[in-house]
Each structure stands twice: as C-alpha cells, then as structure tokens.
C-alpha atoms as a PDB file:
ATOM      1  CA  MET A   1     -28.895  -1.225  33.069  1.00  0.00           C
ATOM      2  CA  SER A   2     -26.320   0.821  34.852  1.00  0.00           C
ATOM      3  CA  GLN A   3     -24.836   3.998  33.409  1.00  0.00           C
ATOM      4  CA  CYS A   4     -21.538   2.263  32.649  1.00  0.00           C
ATOM      5  CA  ASP A   5     -23.058  -0.450  30.431  1.00  0.00           C
ATOM      6  CA  PRO A   6     -22.337   0.082  26.779  1.00  0.00           C
ATOM      7  CA  VAL A   7     -25.368   0.546  24.506  1.00  0.00           C
ATOM      8  CA  PRO A   8     -25.369  -2.134  21.707  1.00  0.00           C
ATOM      9  CA  LEU A   9     -25.185  -0.514  18.256  1.00  0.00           C
ATOM     10  CA  GLU A  10     -27.439  -2.215  15.774  1.00  0.00           C
ATOM     11  CA  LEU A  11     -27.250  -1.104  12.205  1.00  0.00           C
ATOM     12  CA  PRO A  12     -29.845  -1.984   9.562  1.00  0.00           C
ATOM     13  CA  SER A  13     -28.859  -4.739   7.246  1.00  0.00           C
ATOM     14  CA  HIS A  14     -28.761  -2.478   4.144  1.00  0.00           C
ATOM     15  CA  THR A  15     -26.286  -0.173   5.927  1.00  0.00           C
ATOM     16  CA  VAL A  16     -24.001  -3.085   6.677  1.00  0.00           C
ATOM     17  CA  SER A  17     -24.072  -4.349   3.120  1.00  0.00           C
ATOM     18  CA  MET A  18     -23.441  -0.805   1.808  1.00  0.00           C
ATOM     19  CA  ILE A  19     -20.458  -0.466   4.111  1.00  0.00           C
ATOM     20  CA  GLY A  20     -19.171  -3.834   2.837  1.00  0.00           C
ATOM     21  CA  ARG A  21     -19.483  -2.783  -0.685  1.00  0.00           C
ATOM     22  CA  GLN A  22     -17.536   0.446   0.047  1.00  0.00           C
ATOM     23  CA  ILE A  23     -14.835  -1.548   1.778  1.00  0.00           C
ATOM     24  CA  ALA A  24     -14.533  -3.921  -1.178  1.00  0.00           C
ATOM     25  CA  LYS A  25     -14.468  -0.982  -3.627  1.00  0.00           C
ATOM     26  CA  GLY A  26     -11.717   0.747  -1.651  1.00  0.00           C
ATOM     27  CA  ALA A  27      -9.659  -2.441  -1.412  1.00  0.00           C
ATOM     28  CA  SER A  28      -9.911  -2.991  -5.196  1.00  0.00           C
ATOM     29  CA  TRP A  29      -8.703   0.481  -5.762  1.00  0.00           C
ATOM     30  CA  MET A  30      -5.749  -0.139  -3.441  1.00  0.00           C
ATOM     31  CA  VAL A  31      -4.903  -3.314  -5.244  1.00  0.00           C
ATOM     32  CA  MET A  32      -5.101  -1.695  -8.634  1.00  0.00           C
ATOM     33  CA  LEU A  33      -2.958   1.285  -7.599  1.00  0.00           C
ATOM     34  CA  ARG A  34      -0.347  -1.040  -6.085  1.00  0.00           C
ATOM     35  CA  MET A  35      -0.280  -3.086  -9.352  1.00  0.00           C
ATOM     36  CA  ALA A  36       0.118   0.198 -11.357  1.00  0.00           C
ATOM     37  CA  ASP A  37       3.001   1.338  -9.118  1.00  0.00           C
ATOM     38  CA  ARG A  38       4.671  -2.067  -9.650  1.00  0.00           C
ATOM     39  CA  ALA A  39       4.126  -1.830 -13.416  1.00  0.00           C
ATOM     40  CA  VAL A  40       5.707   1.681 -13.547  1.00  0.00           C
ATOM     41  CA  GLY A  41       8.650   0.331 -11.581  1.00  0.00           C
ATOM     42  CA  VAL A  42       9.173  -2.522 -14.013  1.00  0.00           C
ATOM     43  CA  ILE A  43       8.822  -0.290 -16.956  1.00  0.00           C
ATOM     44  CA  SER A  44      11.501   2.171 -15.594  1.00  0.00           C
ATOM     45  CA  PHE A  45      13.679  -0.713 -14.687  1.00  0.00           C
ATOM     46  CA  CYS A  46      13.504  -1.963 -18.306  1.00  0.00           C
ATOM     47  CA  ILE A  47      14.313   1.436 -19.723  1.00  0.00           C
ATOM     48  CA  LEU A  48      17.240   1.933 -17.394  1.00  0.00           C
ATOM     49  CA  ALA A  49      18.583  -1.529 -18.302  1.00  0.00           C
ATOM     50  CA  ARG A  50      18.367  -0.666 -21.953  1.00  0.00           C
ATOM     51  CA  LEU A  51      19.998   2.721 -21.653  1.00  0.00           C
ATOM     52  CA  LEU A  52      22.782   2.188 -19.142  1.00  0.00           C
ATOM     53  CA  LEU A  53      26.021   0.249 -19.423  1.00  0.00           C
ATOM     54  CA  PRO A  54      26.223  -2.845 -17.182  1.00  0.00           C
ATOM     55  CA  GLU A  55      28.575  -1.201 -14.639  1.00  0.00           C
ATOM     56  CA  HIS A  56      26.310   1.867 -14.458  1.00  0.00           C
ATOM     57  CA  PHE A  57      23.220  -0.296 -14.164  1.00  0.00           C
ATOM     58  CA  GLY A  58      24.800  -2.175 -11.326  1.00  0.00           C
ATOM     59  CA  LEU A  59      25.442   1.067  -9.545  1.00  0.00           C
ATOM     60  CA  VAL A  60      21.815   2.209 -10.037  1.00  0.00           C
ATOM     61  CA  ALA A  61      20.644  -1.210  -8.781  1.00  0.00           C
ATOM     62  CA  LEU A  62      22.757  -0.785  -5.648  1.00  0.00           C
ATOM     63  CA  ALA A  63      21.374   2.716  -5.050  1.00  0.00           C
ATOM     64  CA  MET A  64      17.861   1.439  -5.506  1.00  0.00           C
ATOM     65  CA  ALA A  65      18.476  -1.393  -3.048  1.00  0.00           C
ATOM     66  CA  MET A  66      19.777   1.105  -0.521  1.00  0.00           C
ATOM     67  CA  ARG A  67      16.771   3.372  -1.058  1.00  0.00           C
ATOM     68  CA  GLY A  68      14.447   0.364  -0.485  1.00  0.00           C
ATOM     69  CA  LEU A  69      16.285  -0.529   2.704  1.00  0.00           C
ATOM     70  CA  PHE A  70      16.076   3.032   4.096  1.00  0.00           C
ATOM     71  CA  GLU A  71      12.393   3.040   3.167  1.00  0.00           C
ATOM     72  CA  ILE A  72      11.814  -0.105   5.028  1.00  0.00           C
ATOM     73  CA  MET A  73      13.719   1.039   8.058  1.00  0.00           C
ATOM     74  CA  GLY A  74      11.883   4.385   8.013  1.00  0.00           C
ATOM     75  CA  ASP A  75       8.448   2.782   7.927  1.00  0.00           C
ATOM     76  CA  PHE A  76       7.647   1.629  11.424  1.00  0.00           C
ATOM     77  CA  SER A  77       4.028   0.971  10.656  1.00  0.00           C
ATOM     78  CA  VAL A  78       2.875   4.034  12.440  1.00  0.00           C
ATOM     79  CA  ASP A  79       0.007   4.344  10.060  1.00  0.00           C
ATOM     80  CA  LEU A  80      -1.336   0.964  11.150  1.00  0.00           C
ATOM     81  CA  ALA A  81      -1.068   1.979  14.829  1.00  0.00           C
ATOM     82  CA  LEU A  82      -3.011   5.147  14.141  1.00  0.00           C
ATOM     83  CA  ILE A  83      -5.837   3.217  12.545  1.00  0.00           C
END
C-alpha cells in the first residue's frame, strides 16, 4: 500500500446498529416536532378565524402568505450544503 491509499474504516456491527438506532430516534424527534409546529399553526389559524372579521382575516392571510414567501426566498438550503 502506498501512503496515498485510504485506510478502510471497519466498525463493529453493534456500533453500526447503535448509530442506526440513534439516527432513527433523531428522525422521529424531527417528525414529531414538525407535526407539533403544524398543529400549533392550525390552532392559531382557527383562533384567528374565530376572532377576526372576514376582511381582517383576509389581510392576516395575505400577510402570512407574504411571510411564507419571504421565508422560502430567504432559505437557500445553506444548511444542507454545510452538512
């Protein structure tokens, strides 16, 4: 073997299964947190729909749509590139 050849990394099978479990646990936490975030959004949407007049609710819906558009435009997936 020359000095430039990479050394193969071999992990024990129990370490690989432990890492897999940790990944699954982290993914399930992310899914649950995303669902909780959506639920809070729906609840606040329902409260606003109940409290506001239709013309005011339309204005709030327009503002939320603009906020979502700016959020999408501002997120260029830099976090994925960093990973």
